Protein backbone atom coordinates (compact mmCIF):
# COMPACT_ATOMS: atom_id res chain seq x y z
CA UNK A 1 0.00 0.00 0.00
CA UNK A 2 1.29 3.48 -0.83
CA UNK A 3 0.27 6.70 0.90
CA UNK A 4 1.40 10.31 1.13
CA UNK A 5 4.74 9.28 2.65
CA UNK A 6 5.63 7.46 -0.58
CA UNK A 7 4.34 10.37 -2.67
CA UNK A 8 6.42 13.04 -0.99
CA UNK A 9 9.53 10.85 -0.62
CA UNK A 10 9.44 10.05 -4.34
CA UNK A 11 8.97 13.73 -5.18
CA UNK A 12 12.02 14.69 -3.11
CA UNK A 13 14.11 12.10 -4.92
CA UNK A 14 12.87 13.32 -8.30
CA UNK A 15 13.59 16.98 -7.56
CA UNK A 16 17.25 16.18 -6.88
CA UNK A 17 17.54 15.95 -10.67
CA UNK A 18 17.37 19.74 -10.92
CA UNK A 19 20.20 20.19 -8.44
CA UNK A 20 22.45 17.75 -10.28
CA UNK A 21 21.55 18.21 -13.96
CA UNK A 22 23.42 21.36 -15.02
CA UNK A 23 26.74 20.48 -13.37
CA UNK A 24 26.83 23.85 -11.58
CA UNK A 25 24.01 23.29 -9.08
CA UNK A 26 23.95 21.97 -5.54
CA UNK A 27 21.80 19.65 -3.42
CA UNK A 28 22.02 20.07 0.35
CA UNK A 29 20.24 18.21 3.14
CA UNK A 30 19.39 20.77 5.81
CA UNK A 31 17.74 20.33 9.22
CA UNK A 32 14.16 19.58 8.26
CA UNK A 33 14.32 20.66 4.62
CA UNK A 34 16.28 19.91 1.49
CA UNK A 35 17.50 22.51 -1.00
CA UNK A 36 18.12 21.95 -4.70
CA UNK A 37 19.83 24.79 -6.57
CA UNK A 38 19.84 24.23 -10.34
CA UNK A 39 22.73 26.57 -11.09
CA UNK A 40 20.50 28.97 -13.04
CA UNK A 41 18.23 31.89 -12.18
CA UNK A 42 14.92 30.12 -12.77
CA UNK A 43 12.66 29.88 -9.74
CA UNK A 44 10.71 26.69 -10.44
CA UNK A 45 13.95 24.74 -10.94
CA UNK A 46 15.38 25.97 -7.61
CA UNK A 47 13.43 23.91 -5.12
CA UNK A 48 13.07 23.24 -1.42
CA UNK A 49 10.88 20.66 0.35
CA UNK A 50 10.26 19.49 3.89
CA UNK A 51 12.00 16.32 5.00
CA UNK A 52 9.95 15.74 8.15
CA UNK A 53 6.70 16.86 9.74
CA UNK A 54 6.22 20.35 11.14
CA UNK A 55 5.33 20.72 14.84
CA UNK A 56 4.94 23.57 17.32
CA UNK A 57 8.44 22.84 18.61
CA UNK A 58 9.89 22.63 15.10
CA UNK A 59 7.89 25.31 13.26
CA UNK A 60 7.43 26.08 9.58
CA UNK A 61 9.02 29.51 10.02
CA UNK A 62 12.33 27.92 11.02
CA UNK A 63 12.23 25.60 8.01
CA UNK A 64 11.58 28.48 5.62
CA UNK A 65 14.37 30.53 7.16
CA UNK A 66 16.68 27.56 6.68
CA UNK A 67 15.69 27.22 3.01
CA UNK A 68 16.00 30.96 2.43
CA UNK A 69 19.50 30.86 3.89
CA UNK A 70 20.50 28.10 1.49
CA UNK A 71 19.34 30.09 -1.55
CA UNK A 72 20.39 33.57 -0.35
CA UNK A 73 23.90 33.53 -1.82
CA UNK A 74 22.85 31.57 -4.90
CA UNK A 75 19.65 32.99 -6.39
CA UNK A 76 16.79 35.40 -5.78
CA UNK A 77 14.23 33.06 -7.35
CA UNK A 78 13.27 29.78 -5.69
CA UNK A 79 10.22 27.70 -4.92
CA UNK A 80 8.92 25.52 -2.11
CA UNK A 81 6.87 22.35 -2.66
CA UNK A 82 4.78 21.92 0.50
CA UNK A 83 3.01 18.64 1.30
CA UNK A 84 0.02 19.58 3.45
CA UNK A 85 0.04 16.26 5.32
CA UNK A 86 3.38 17.22 6.85
CA UNK A 87 1.77 20.17 8.68
CA UNK A 88 0.10 20.03 12.07
CA UNK A 89 -3.48 21.47 12.09
CA UNK A 90 -2.48 24.81 13.64
CA UNK A 91 0.26 25.39 11.06
CA UNK A 92 -2.02 24.40 8.21
CA UNK A 93 -4.46 27.15 9.19
CA UNK A 94 -1.76 29.85 8.98
CA UNK A 95 0.36 28.35 6.21
CA UNK A 96 -0.49 31.00 3.61
CA UNK A 97 0.38 33.85 6.00
CA UNK A 98 3.71 32.26 6.90
CA UNK A 99 4.77 32.07 3.26
CA UNK A 100 3.48 35.58 2.54
CA UNK A 101 5.65 36.91 5.34
CA UNK A 102 8.63 35.23 3.64
CA UNK A 103 7.80 36.98 0.36
CA UNK A 104 6.39 33.90 -1.38
CA UNK A 105 3.11 33.40 -3.24
CA UNK A 106 1.22 30.22 -4.19
CA UNK A 107 1.34 29.38 -7.89
CA UNK A 108 -0.31 25.94 -7.98
CA UNK A 109 -2.03 23.30 -5.84
CA UNK A 110 -1.28 19.94 -7.47
CA UNK A 111 -2.91 16.91 -5.88
CA UNK A 112 -0.56 14.07 -5.01
CA UNK A 113 -2.15 10.99 -6.56
CA UNK A 114 -1.50 7.25 -6.27
CA UNK A 115 -2.53 4.21 -8.31
CA UNK A 116 -1.95 0.74 -6.81
CA UNK A 117 -2.02 -0.50 -10.42
CA UNK A 118 -3.06 1.07 -13.69
CA UNK A 119 -6.55 0.35 -15.01
CA UNK A 120 -6.88 -0.96 -18.58
CA UNK A 121 -7.04 1.77 -21.24
CA UNK A 122 -10.51 3.16 -21.98
CA UNK A 123 -9.73 3.32 -25.71
CA UNK A 124 -7.41 1.82 -28.27
CA UNK A 125 -4.10 3.63 -27.97
CA UNK A 126 -1.88 4.53 -30.92
CA UNK A 127 1.32 2.69 -31.74
CA UNK A 128 4.48 4.48 -30.63
CA UNK A 129 8.19 3.79 -30.39
CA UNK A 130 9.28 4.33 -26.79
CA UNK A 131 12.95 5.26 -26.48
CA UNK A 132 14.80 5.90 -23.21
CA UNK A 133 16.78 9.11 -22.94
CA UNK A 134 20.25 7.74 -23.58
CA UNK A 135 21.76 9.77 -26.43
CA UNK A 136 21.95 13.27 -27.90
CA UNK A 137 18.83 12.79 -30.04
CA UNK A 138 16.58 11.77 -27.15
CA UNK A 139 18.06 14.43 -24.86
CA UNK A 140 17.38 17.09 -27.50
CA UNK A 141 13.83 15.80 -27.97
CA UNK A 142 13.15 15.83 -24.22
CA UNK A 143 14.50 19.38 -24.05
CA UNK A 144 12.44 20.63 -27.00
CA UNK A 145 9.14 19.12 -25.88
CA UNK A 146 9.67 20.33 -22.30
CA UNK A 147 10.28 23.85 -23.55
CA UNK A 148 7.20 23.90 -25.79
CA UNK A 149 4.75 22.00 -23.61
CA UNK A 150 5.58 23.72 -20.31
CA UNK A 151 6.43 27.13 -21.84
CA UNK A 152 9.96 27.13 -20.43
CA UNK A 153 12.63 29.22 -22.21
CA UNK A 154 14.58 26.93 -24.49
CA UNK A 155 17.95 28.02 -23.10
CA UNK A 156 16.78 27.09 -19.59
CA UNK A 157 15.51 23.69 -20.72
CA UNK A 158 18.73 23.08 -22.63
CA UNK A 159 20.86 23.85 -19.57
CA UNK A 160 18.93 21.32 -17.48
CA UNK A 161 18.19 18.49 -19.91
CA UNK A 162 20.98 18.42 -22.50
CA UNK A 163 23.93 17.06 -20.46
CA UNK A 164 24.59 13.31 -20.66
CA UNK A 165 25.57 13.26 -16.98
CA UNK A 166 22.14 14.57 -15.98
CA UNK A 167 20.53 11.26 -16.88
CA UNK A 168 22.67 8.90 -14.80
CA UNK A 169 20.53 9.02 -11.62
CA UNK A 170 17.06 7.92 -10.57
CA UNK A 171 15.33 10.31 -12.98
CA UNK A 172 14.76 8.27 -16.17
CA UNK A 173 13.42 9.94 -19.29
CA UNK A 174 11.47 8.42 -22.18
CA UNK A 175 10.43 9.82 -25.56
CA UNK A 176 7.60 8.66 -27.83
CA UNK A 177 8.41 8.66 -31.53
CA UNK A 178 5.78 8.39 -34.26
CA UNK A 179 7.00 7.99 -37.85
CA UNK A 180 10.41 9.17 -36.70
CA UNK A 181 9.08 12.32 -34.99
CA UNK A 182 9.38 12.89 -31.25
CA UNK A 183 5.88 13.72 -30.00
CA UNK A 184 5.73 13.08 -26.23
CA UNK A 185 7.92 12.70 -23.14
CA UNK A 186 7.72 11.33 -19.62
CA UNK A 187 10.17 10.83 -16.74
CA UNK A 188 9.86 8.01 -14.20
CA UNK A 189 11.53 7.71 -10.79
CA UNK A 190 11.51 4.33 -9.02
CA UNK A 191 12.17 5.34 -5.40
CA UNK A 192 10.45 4.85 -2.00
CA UNK A 193 8.59 1.75 -3.14
CA UNK A 194 6.70 3.50 -5.95
CA UNK A 195 7.15 4.64 -9.54
CA UNK A 196 6.84 8.42 -9.73
CA UNK A 197 5.58 10.04 -12.94
CA UNK A 198 6.99 13.43 -13.95
CA UNK A 199 7.06 15.76 -16.97
CA UNK A 200 4.42 13.89 -18.98
CA UNK A 201 3.80 16.12 -21.99
CA UNK A 202 2.85 15.99 -25.67
CA UNK A 203 3.55 18.52 -28.40
CA UNK A 204 0.42 20.65 -29.02
CA UNK A 205 -0.11 19.41 -32.58
CA UNK A 206 -0.24 15.78 -31.38
CA UNK A 207 -2.48 16.11 -28.33
CA UNK A 208 -5.76 14.26 -27.71
CA UNK A 209 -4.62 11.26 -29.74
CA UNK A 210 -3.42 9.10 -26.83
CA UNK A 211 0.32 9.43 -27.39
CA UNK A 212 1.06 10.59 -23.85
CA UNK A 213 -0.95 7.79 -22.28
CA UNK A 214 0.60 5.23 -24.60
CA UNK A 215 4.08 6.43 -23.65
CA UNK A 216 3.34 6.42 -19.93
CA UNK A 217 1.93 2.89 -20.02
CA UNK A 218 4.79 1.54 -22.14
CA UNK A 219 7.56 3.17 -20.12
CA UNK A 220 5.95 2.28 -16.77
CA UNK A 221 5.54 -1.37 -17.80
CA UNK A 222 9.26 -1.58 -18.50
CA UNK A 223 10.22 0.03 -15.19
CA UNK A 224 7.74 -2.18 -13.30
CA UNK A 225 9.19 -5.31 -14.90
CA UNK A 226 12.72 -4.25 -13.99
CA UNK A 227 12.00 -3.14 -10.41
CA UNK A 228 8.99 -5.25 -9.40
CA UNK A 229 7.13 -2.08 -8.36
CA UNK A 230 3.48 -1.60 -9.30
CA UNK A 231 2.19 1.34 -7.28
CA UNK A 232 2.54 4.66 -9.11
CA UNK A 233 2.41 8.26 -7.93
CA UNK A 234 2.33 11.72 -9.47
CA UNK A 235 1.46 15.36 -8.87
CA UNK A 236 -1.28 16.19 -11.33
CA UNK A 237 -1.77 19.29 -13.41
CA UNK A 238 -5.32 20.49 -13.93
CA UNK A 239 -5.16 19.48 -17.60
CA UNK A 240 -4.10 15.90 -16.84
CA UNK A 241 -6.35 15.23 -13.84
CA UNK A 242 -9.24 13.46 -15.60
CA UNK A 243 -6.87 11.29 -17.63
CA UNK A 244 -5.07 10.15 -14.49
CA UNK A 245 -8.37 9.33 -12.78
CA UNK A 246 -9.36 7.16 -15.76
CA UNK A 247 -6.03 5.39 -15.50
CA UNK A 248 -6.68 4.48 -11.85
CA UNK A 249 -5.06 7.31 -9.90
CA UNK A 250 -6.81 8.74 -6.83
CA UNK A 251 -6.06 11.74 -4.63
CA UNK A 252 -3.83 10.91 -1.65
CA UNK A 253 -2.46 14.30 -0.55
CA UNK A 254 -2.12 17.86 -1.80
CA UNK A 255 0.84 20.07 -2.46
CA UNK A 256 1.04 23.83 -2.69
CA UNK A 257 3.89 25.26 -4.73
CA UNK A 258 5.11 28.65 -3.49
CA UNK A 259 7.39 30.92 -5.51
CA UNK A 260 9.36 33.98 -4.43
CA UNK A 261 7.69 37.21 -5.56
């Protein structure tokens, strides 16, 4: 059985990618938080998360001060992924005010979802060629689709995703090719007893045809066979929420992503 502990532990492991990818970043385990500096001035790729529950004796303010100290000499722009289940009730009620006082604003509220196993597809999915990110062509494709689908400046995406060394850790990328054209991407992280799903995206011209779902199912089946893991987890965007529900995912927790103003 997987619950919010698996969800947030997998997310922390996945986010280390951004601290390691560029070759000029840093990952540091602090006292109650973890900081990942990507090496570039781009807030959503400079990330901090809690590493244990917040209590009255170990308050959220101290954790945020710790994270702010880590980023102070490195960048003005950083973000905090907060799992609500790690907050005690009193802190949850004043969470927004605490972050506001630290000069941070909420930018999204992605639900943390889990699926003990994927349900069968609701429609016939298209044929794709699923390639792991292992060479310059697949790295370039992952970079391009990330930039277009998530509206990230290409130079930023290139800095993070183009280095061969970036892909030697837990963060495994996959690209769907159709008639030789890269059309969709996904990253999977097999950590904390679950397979985490990240960066699932399809080029705009190829959406609503099932390519993203086909890629996710194909890539996940390979990782599941290799690791023996079946339970999957993800943080859903609003656009992908209904698809994930059809695939068997259900809400387990909720995150709020805060960004410096």
